[in-house]
């Protein structure tokens, strides 16, 4: 399964922009770190890497809202 790298922007609406696709974790991770460093604090969006079967599956996973896991003292 490939690794996809996306830029996610939240305004005015949530948008996913596929930047690259890699077959190995090592190259995808290194490239993700490079892209984050190139942003240099600019509000250009969040850079995320995701492991998925297809581009459509990757976008589905990125759009899912995950609930916050309970922490100590959360009853």
PDB file of N, CA and C in Angstrom:
ATOM      1  N   UNK A   1       0.833  -1.182   0.000  1.00  0.00           N
ATOM      2  CA  UNK A   1       0.000   0.000   0.000  1.00  0.00           C
ATOM      3  C   UNK A   1       0.878   1.245   0.000  1.00  0.00           C
ATOM      4  N   UNK A   2       0.490   2.216  -0.780  1.00  0.00           N
ATOM      5  CA  UNK A   2       1.297   3.443  -0.862  1.00  0.00           C
ATOM      6  C   UNK A   2       1.046   4.400   0.302  1.00  0.00           C
ATOM      7  N   UNK A   3       1.950   5.357   0.415  1.00  0.00           N
ATOM      8  CA  UNK A   3       1.848   6.442   1.391  1.00  0.00           C
ATOM      9  C   UNK A   3       1.545   7.716   0.618  1.00  0.00           C
ATOM     10  N   UNK A   4       0.528   8.429   1.053  1.00  0.00           N
ATOM     11  CA  UNK A   4       0.117   9.663   0.396  1.00  0.00           C
ATOM     12  C   UNK A   4       0.462  10.848   1.287  1.00  0.00           C
ATOM     13  N   UNK A   5       0.868  11.935   0.671  1.00  0.00           N
ATOM     14  CA  UNK A   5       1.152  13.165   1.403  1.00  0.00           C
ATOM     15  C   UNK A   5       0.150  14.214   0.940  1.00  0.00           C
ATOM     16  N   UNK A   6      -0.539  14.814   1.921  1.00  0.00           N
ATOM     17  CA  UNK A   6      -1.580  15.793   1.634  1.00  0.00           C
ATOM     18  C   UNK A   6      -1.311  17.099   2.361  1.00  0.00           C
ATOM     19  N   UNK A   7      -1.795  18.187   1.762  1.00  0.00           N
ATOM     20  CA  UNK A   7      -1.872  19.485   2.432  1.00  0.00           C
ATOM     21  C   UNK A   7      -3.354  19.683   2.761  1.00  0.00           C
ATOM     22  N   UNK A   8      -3.632  19.969   4.034  1.00  0.00           N
ATOM     23  CA  UNK A   8      -5.006  20.151   4.483  1.00  0.00           C
ATOM     24  C   UNK A   8      -5.183  21.602   4.914  1.00  0.00           C
ATOM     25  N   UNK A   9      -6.147  22.263   4.298  1.00  0.00           N
ATOM     26  CA  UNK A   9      -6.483  23.637   4.690  1.00  0.00           C
ATOM     27  C   UNK A   9      -7.910  23.640   5.235  1.00  0.00           C
ATOM     28  N   UNK A  10      -8.167  24.470   6.213  1.00  0.00           N
ATOM     29  CA  UNK A  10      -9.461  24.496   6.886  1.00  0.00           C
ATOM     30  C   UNK A  10     -10.334  25.667   6.476  1.00  0.00           C
ATOM     31  N   UNK A  11      -9.775  26.674   5.828  1.00  0.00           N
ATOM     32  CA  UNK A  11     -10.558  27.864   5.532  1.00  0.00           C
ATOM     33  C   UNK A  11     -10.554  28.169   4.056  1.00  0.00           C
ATOM     34  N   UNK A  12     -11.607  28.561   3.463  1.00  0.00           N
ATOM     35  CA  UNK A  12     -12.929  28.745   4.053  1.00  0.00           C
ATOM     36  C   UNK A  12     -13.643  27.420   4.314  1.00  0.00           C
ATOM     37  N   UNK A  13     -13.278  26.366   3.594  1.00  0.00           N
ATOM     38  CA  UNK A  13     -13.802  25.031   3.883  1.00  0.00           C
ATOM     39  C   UNK A  13     -12.627  24.068   3.911  1.00  0.00           C
ATOM     40  N   UNK A  14     -12.825  22.916   4.504  1.00  0.00           N
ATOM     41  CA  UNK A  14     -11.753  21.909   4.581  1.00  0.00           C
ATOM     42  C   UNK A  14     -11.460  21.381   3.182  1.00  0.00           C
ATOM     43  N   UNK A  15     -10.202  21.510   2.776  1.00  0.00           N
ATOM     44  CA  UNK A  15      -9.790  21.045   1.452  1.00  0.00           C
ATOM     45  C   UNK A  15      -8.564  20.155   1.586  1.00  0.00           C
ATOM     46  N   UNK A  16      -8.532  19.083   0.812  1.00  0.00           N
ATOM     47  CA  UNK A  16      -7.403  18.165   0.774  1.00  0.00           C
ATOM     48  C   UNK A  16      -6.719  18.296  -0.575  1.00  0.00           C
ATOM     49  N   UNK A  17      -5.426  18.516  -0.551  1.00  0.00           N
ATOM     50  CA  UNK A  17      -4.649  18.626  -1.789  1.00  0.00           C
ATOM     51  C   UNK A  17      -3.554  17.564  -1.750  1.00  0.00           C
ATOM     52  N   UNK A  18      -3.664  16.576  -2.640  1.00  0.00           N
ATOM     53  CA  UNK A  18      -2.634  15.542  -2.699  1.00  0.00           C
ATOM     54  C   UNK A  18      -1.367  16.161  -3.272  1.00  0.00           C
ATOM     55  N   UNK A  19      -0.273  15.988  -2.536  1.00  0.00           N
ATOM     56  CA  UNK A  19       0.998  16.557  -2.975  1.00  0.00           C
ATOM     57  C   UNK A  19       1.834  15.486  -3.665  1.00  0.00           C
ATOM     58  N   UNK A  20       2.007  14.350  -2.993  1.00  0.00           N
ATOM     59  CA  UNK A  20       2.852  13.288  -3.532  1.00  0.00           C
ATOM     60  C   UNK A  20       2.359  11.928  -3.066  1.00  0.00           C
ATOM     61  N   UNK A  21       2.933  10.885  -3.686  1.00  0.00           N
ATOM     62  CA  UNK A  21       2.651   9.500  -3.316  1.00  0.00           C
ATOM     63  C   UNK A  21       3.971   8.740  -3.355  1.00  0.00           C
ATOM     64  N   UNK A  22       4.220   7.907  -2.330  1.00  0.00           N
ATOM     65  CA  UNK A  22       5.458   7.136  -2.250  1.00  0.00           C
ATOM     66  C   UNK A  22       5.142   5.688  -1.880  1.00  0.00           C
ATOM     67  N   UNK A  23       6.027   4.787  -2.284  1.00  0.00           N
ATOM     68  CA  UNK A  23       5.830   3.371  -1.980  1.00  0.00           C
ATOM     69  C   UNK A  23       6.487   2.938  -0.682  1.00  0.00           C
ATOM     70  N   UNK A  24       7.454   3.694  -0.202  1.00  0.00           N
ATOM     71  CA  UNK A  24       8.124   3.292   1.041  1.00  0.00           C
ATOM     72  C   UNK A  24       7.902   4.336   2.133  1.00  0.00           C
ATOM     73  N   UNK A  25       7.785   3.835   3.356  1.00  0.00           N
ATOM     74  CA  UNK A  25       7.563   4.716   4.504  1.00  0.00           C
ATOM     75  C   UNK A  25       8.717   5.688   4.679  1.00  0.00           C
ATOM     76  N   UNK A  26       9.925   5.188   4.529  1.00  0.00           N
ATOM     77  CA  UNK A  26      11.110   6.004   4.775  1.00  0.00           C
ATOM     78  C   UNK A  26      11.159   7.240   3.882  1.00  0.00           C
ATOM     79  N   UNK A  27      10.915   7.055   2.585  1.00  0.00           N
ATOM     80  CA  UNK A  27      10.961   8.204   1.672  1.00  0.00           C
ATOM     81  C   UNK A  27       9.770   9.134   1.894  1.00  0.00           C
ATOM     82  N   UNK A  28       8.595   8.567   2.172  1.00  0.00           N
ATOM     83  CA  UNK A  28       7.416   9.395   2.424  1.00  0.00           C
ATOM     84  C   UNK A  28       7.594  10.217   3.698  1.00  0.00           C
ATOM     85  N   UNK A  29       8.130   9.607   4.733  1.00  0.00           N
ATOM     86  CA  UNK A  29       8.347  10.313   5.995  1.00  0.00           C
ATOM     87  C   UNK A  29       9.368  11.433   5.829  1.00  0.00           C
ATOM     88  N   UNK A  30      10.455  11.145   5.139  1.00  0.00           N
ATOM     89  CA  UNK A  30      11.484  12.156   4.919  1.00  0.00           C
ATOM     90  C   UNK A  30      10.929  13.330   4.109  1.00  0.00           C
ATOM     91  N   UNK A  31      10.150  13.029   3.093  1.00  0.00           N
ATOM     92  CA  UNK A  31       9.584  14.087   2.249  1.00  0.00           C
ATOM     93  C   UNK A  31       8.554  14.915   3.021  1.00  0.00           C
ATOM     94  N   UNK A  32       7.775  14.268   3.877  1.00  0.00           N
ATOM     95  CA  UNK A  32       6.804  14.985   4.704  1.00  0.00           C
ATOM     96  C   UNK A  32       7.518  15.967   5.614  1.00  0.00           C
ATOM     97  N   UNK A  33       8.616  15.532   6.208  1.00  0.00           N
ATOM     98  CA  UNK A  33       9.398  16.414   7.087  1.00  0.00           C
ATOM     99  C   UNK A  33       9.981  17.586   6.308  1.00  0.00           C
ATOM    100  N   UNK A  34      10.442  17.326   5.083  1.00  0.00           N
ATOM    101  CA  UNK A  34      10.973  18.403   4.240  1.00  0.00           C
ATOM    102  C   UNK A  34       9.893  19.436   3.940  1.00  0.00           C
ATOM    103  N   UNK A  35       8.714  18.972   3.568  1.00  0.00           N
ATOM    104  CA  UNK A  35       7.622  19.887   3.232  1.00  0.00           C
ATOM    105  C   UNK A  35       7.205  20.716   4.440  1.00  0.00           C
ATOM    106  N   UNK A  36       7.181  20.104   5.617  1.00  0.00           N
ATOM    107  CA  UNK A  36       6.834  20.851   6.834  1.00  0.00           C
ATOM    108  C   UNK A  36       7.884  21.907   7.137  1.00  0.00           C
ATOM    109  N   UNK A  37       9.158  21.575   6.925  1.00  0.00           N
ATOM    110  CA  UNK A  37      10.236  22.530   7.173  1.00  0.00           C
ATOM    111  C   UNK A  37      10.184  23.691   6.183  1.00  0.00           C
ATOM    112  N   UNK A  38       9.795  23.411   4.948  1.00  0.00           N
ATOM    113  CA  UNK A  38       9.703  24.447   3.923  1.00  0.00           C
ATOM    114  C   UNK A  38       8.604  25.458   4.234  1.00  0.00           C
ATOM    115  N   UNK A  39       7.582  25.041   4.978  1.00  0.00           N
ATOM    116  CA  UNK A  39       6.497  25.964   5.324  1.00  0.00           C
ATOM    117  C   UNK A  39       7.002  27.088   6.207  1.00  0.00           C
ATOM    118  N   UNK A  40       7.924  26.797   7.089  1.00  0.00           N
ATOM    119  CA  UNK A  40       8.556  27.792   7.954  1.00  0.00           C
ATOM    120  C   UNK A  40       7.537  28.664   8.685  1.00  0.00           C
ATOM    121  N   UNK A  41       6.502  28.016   9.235  1.00  0.00           N
ATOM    122  CA  UNK A  41       5.521  28.744  10.028  1.00  0.00           C
ATOM    123  C   UNK A  41       4.455  29.467   9.226  1.00  0.00           C
ATOM    124  N   UNK A  42       4.524  29.409   7.912  1.00  0.00           N
ATOM    125  CA  UNK A  42       3.512  30.071   7.083  1.00  0.00           C
ATOM    126  C   UNK A  42       2.189  29.307   7.195  1.00  0.00           C
ATOM    127  N   UNK A  43       1.071  30.015   7.204  1.00  0.00           N
ATOM    128  CA  UNK A  43      -0.228  29.346   7.330  1.00  0.00           C
ATOM    129  C   UNK A  43      -0.704  28.726   6.011  1.00  0.00           C
ATOM    130  N   UNK A  44       0.101  27.839   5.454  1.00  0.00           N
ATOM    131  CA  UNK A  44      -0.221  27.240   4.159  1.00  0.00           C
ATOM    132  C   UNK A  44      -1.004  25.946   4.298  1.00  0.00           C
ATOM    133  N   UNK A  45      -1.293  25.524   5.518  1.00  0.00           N
ATOM    134  CA  UNK A  45      -2.041  24.293   5.728  1.00  0.00           C
ATOM    135  C   UNK A  45      -1.209  23.256   6.444  1.00  0.00           C
ATOM    136  N   UNK A  46      -1.869  22.246   6.897  1.00  0.00           N
ATOM    137  CA  UNK A  46      -1.254  21.153   7.631  1.00  0.00           C
ATOM    138  C   UNK A  46      -0.770  20.098   6.641  1.00  0.00           C
ATOM    139  N   UNK A  47       0.447  19.605   6.807  1.00  0.00           N
ATOM    140  CA  UNK A  47       0.990  18.550   5.947  1.00  0.00           C
ATOM    141  C   UNK A  47       0.831  17.231   6.680  1.00  0.00           C
ATOM    142  N   UNK A  48       0.139  16.261   6.050  1.00  0.00           N
ATOM    143  CA  UNK A  48      -0.087  14.964   6.679  1.00  0.00           C
ATOM    144  C   UNK A  48       0.304  13.843   5.728  1.00  0.00           C
ATOM    145  N   UNK A  49       0.832  12.771   6.289  1.00  0.00           N
ATOM    146  CA  UNK A  49       1.133  11.564   5.539  1.00  0.00           C
ATOM    147  C   UNK A  49       0.149  10.501   5.994  1.00  0.00           C
ATOM    148  N   UNK A  50      -0.381   9.718   5.049  1.00  0.00           N
ATOM    149  CA  UNK A  50      -1.350   8.676   5.380  1.00  0.00           C
ATOM    150  C   UNK A  50      -1.072   7.432   4.551  1.00  0.00           C
ATOM    151  N   UNK A  51      -1.235   6.284   5.179  1.00  0.00           N
ATOM    152  CA  UNK A  51      -1.029   4.983   4.545  1.00  0.00           C
ATOM    153  C   UNK A  51      -2.401   4.432   4.175  1.00  0.00           C
ATOM    154  N   UNK A  52      -2.661   4.258   2.876  1.00  0.00           N
ATOM    155  CA  UNK A  52      -3.984   3.807   2.437  1.00  0.00           C
ATOM    156  C   UNK A  52      -3.869   3.015   1.141  1.00  0.00           C
ATOM    157  N   UNK A  53      -4.941   2.272   0.853  1.00  0.00           N
ATOM    158  CA  UNK A  53      -4.960   1.439  -0.345  1.00  0.00           C
ATOM    159  C   UNK A  53      -5.043   2.264  -1.624  1.00  0.00           C
ATOM    160  N   UNK A  54      -5.871   3.322  -1.592  1.00  0.00           N
ATOM    161  CA  UNK A  54      -6.057   4.178  -2.758  1.00  0.00           C
ATOM    162  C   UNK A  54      -6.114   5.632  -2.318  1.00  0.00           C
ATOM    163  N   UNK A  55      -6.081   6.525  -3.297  1.00  0.00           N
ATOM    164  CA  UNK A  55      -6.196   7.947  -3.003  1.00  0.00           C
ATOM    165  C   UNK A  55      -7.558   8.260  -2.377  1.00  0.00           C
ATOM    166  N   UNK A  56      -8.602   7.621  -2.868  1.00  0.00           N
ATOM    167  CA  UNK A  56      -9.942   7.824  -2.314  1.00  0.00           C
ATOM    168  C   UNK A  56     -10.013   7.361  -0.856  1.00  0.00           C
ATOM    169  N   UNK A  57      -9.397   6.218  -0.561  1.00  0.00           N
ATOM    170  CA  UNK A  57      -9.359   5.705   0.814  1.00  0.00           C
ATOM    171  C   UNK A  57      -8.586   6.665   1.716  1.00  0.00           C
ATOM    172  N   UNK A  58      -7.492   7.209   1.229  1.00  0.00           N
ATOM    173  CA  UNK A  58      -6.691   8.168   2.007  1.00  0.00           C
ATOM    174  C   UNK A  58      -7.524   9.400   2.349  1.00  0.00           C
ATOM    175  N   UNK A  59      -8.254   9.926   1.371  1.00  0.00           N
ATOM    176  CA  UNK A  59      -9.068  11.110   1.616  1.00  0.00           C
ATOM    177  C   UNK A  59     -10.205  10.813   2.574  1.00  0.00           C
ATOM    178  N   UNK A  60     -10.771   9.616   2.492  1.00  0.00           N
ATOM    179  CA  UNK A  60     -11.816   9.219   3.430  1.00  0.00           C
ATOM    180  C   UNK A  60     -11.263   9.180   4.856  1.00  0.00           C
ATOM    181  N   UNK A  61     -10.095   8.592   5.028  1.00  0.00           N
ATOM    182  CA  UNK A  61      -9.475   8.517   6.354  1.00  0.00           C
ATOM    183  C   UNK A  61      -9.153   9.907   6.899  1.00  0.00           C
ATOM    184  N   UNK A  62      -8.669  10.791   6.046  1.00  0.00           N
ATOM    185  CA  UNK A  62      -8.320  12.138   6.490  1.00  0.00           C
ATOM    186  C   UNK A  62      -9.548  12.971   6.866  1.00  0.00           C
ATOM    187  N   UNK A  63     -10.700  12.643   6.299  1.00  0.00           N
ATOM    188  CA  UNK A  63     -11.921  13.394   6.591  1.00  0.00           C
ATOM    189  C   UNK A  63     -12.694  12.852   7.784  1.00  0.00           C
ATOM    190  N   UNK A  64     -12.302  11.694   8.295  1.00  0.00           N
ATOM    191  CA  UNK A  64     -12.995  11.134   9.448  1.00  0.00           C
ATOM    192  C   UNK A  64     -12.642  11.932  10.698  1.00  0.00           C
ATOM    193  N   UNK A  65     -13.649  12.193  11.510  1.00  0.00           N
ATOM    194  CA  UNK A  65     -13.438  12.915  12.763  1.00  0.00           C
ATOM    195  C   UNK A  65     -13.187  11.883  13.852  1.00  0.00           C
ATOM    196  N   UNK A  66     -12.024  11.984  14.465  1.00  0.00           N
ATOM    197  CA  UNK A  66     -11.671  11.049  15.531  1.00  0.00           C
ATOM    198  C   UNK A  66     -12.011  11.669  16.864  1.00  0.00           C
ATOM    199  N   UNK A  67     -12.619  10.860  17.723  1.00  0.00           N
ATOM    200  CA  UNK A  67     -12.955  11.352  19.045  1.00  0.00           C
ATOM    201  C   UNK A  67     -11.718  11.345  19.923  1.00  0.00           C
ATOM    202  N   UNK A  68     -11.651  12.330  20.790  1.00  0.00           N
ATOM    203  CA  UNK A  68     -10.540  12.443  21.710  1.00  0.00           C
ATOM    204  C   UNK A  68     -10.576  11.284  22.693  1.00  0.00           C
ATOM    205  N   UNK A  69      -9.414  10.652  22.909  1.00  0.00           N
ATOM    206  CA  UNK A  69      -9.346   9.538  23.848  1.00  0.00           C
ATOM    207  C   UNK A  69      -9.408  10.083  25.270  1.00  0.00           C
ATOM    208  N   UNK A  70     -10.113   9.361  26.148  1.00  0.00           N
ATOM    209  CA  UNK A  70     -10.205   9.839  27.533  1.00  0.00           C
ATOM    210  C   UNK A  70      -8.854   9.815  28.222  1.00  0.00           C
ATOM    211  N   UNK A  71      -8.625  10.813  29.026  1.00  0.00           N
ATOM    212  CA  UNK A  71      -7.377  10.909  29.770  1.00  0.00           C
ATOM    213  C   UNK A  71      -7.617  10.563  31.231  1.00  0.00           C
ATOM    214  N   UNK A  72      -6.579  10.643  32.032  1.00  0.00           N
ATOM    215  CA  UNK A  72      -6.720  10.367  33.465  1.00  0.00           C
ATOM    216  C   UNK A  72      -7.718  11.344  34.097  1.00  0.00           C
ATOM    217  N   UNK A  73      -8.625  10.814  34.874  1.00  0.00           N
ATOM    218  CA  UNK A  73      -9.605  11.650  35.547  1.00  0.00           C
ATOM    219  C   UNK A  73     -10.855  11.906  34.725  1.00  0.00           C
ATOM    220  N   UNK A  74     -10.904  11.455  33.486  1.00  0.00           N
ATOM    221  CA  UNK A  74     -12.112  11.614  32.667  1.00  0.00           C
ATOM    222  C   UNK A  74     -13.030  10.427  32.932  1.00  0.00           C
ATOM    223  N   UNK A  75     -14.064  10.673  33.705  1.00  0.00           N
ATOM    224  CA  UNK A  75     -15.006   9.595  34.007  1.00  0.00           C
ATOM    225  C   UNK A  75     -16.340   9.829  33.385  1.00  0.00           C
TER     226      UNK A  75
END
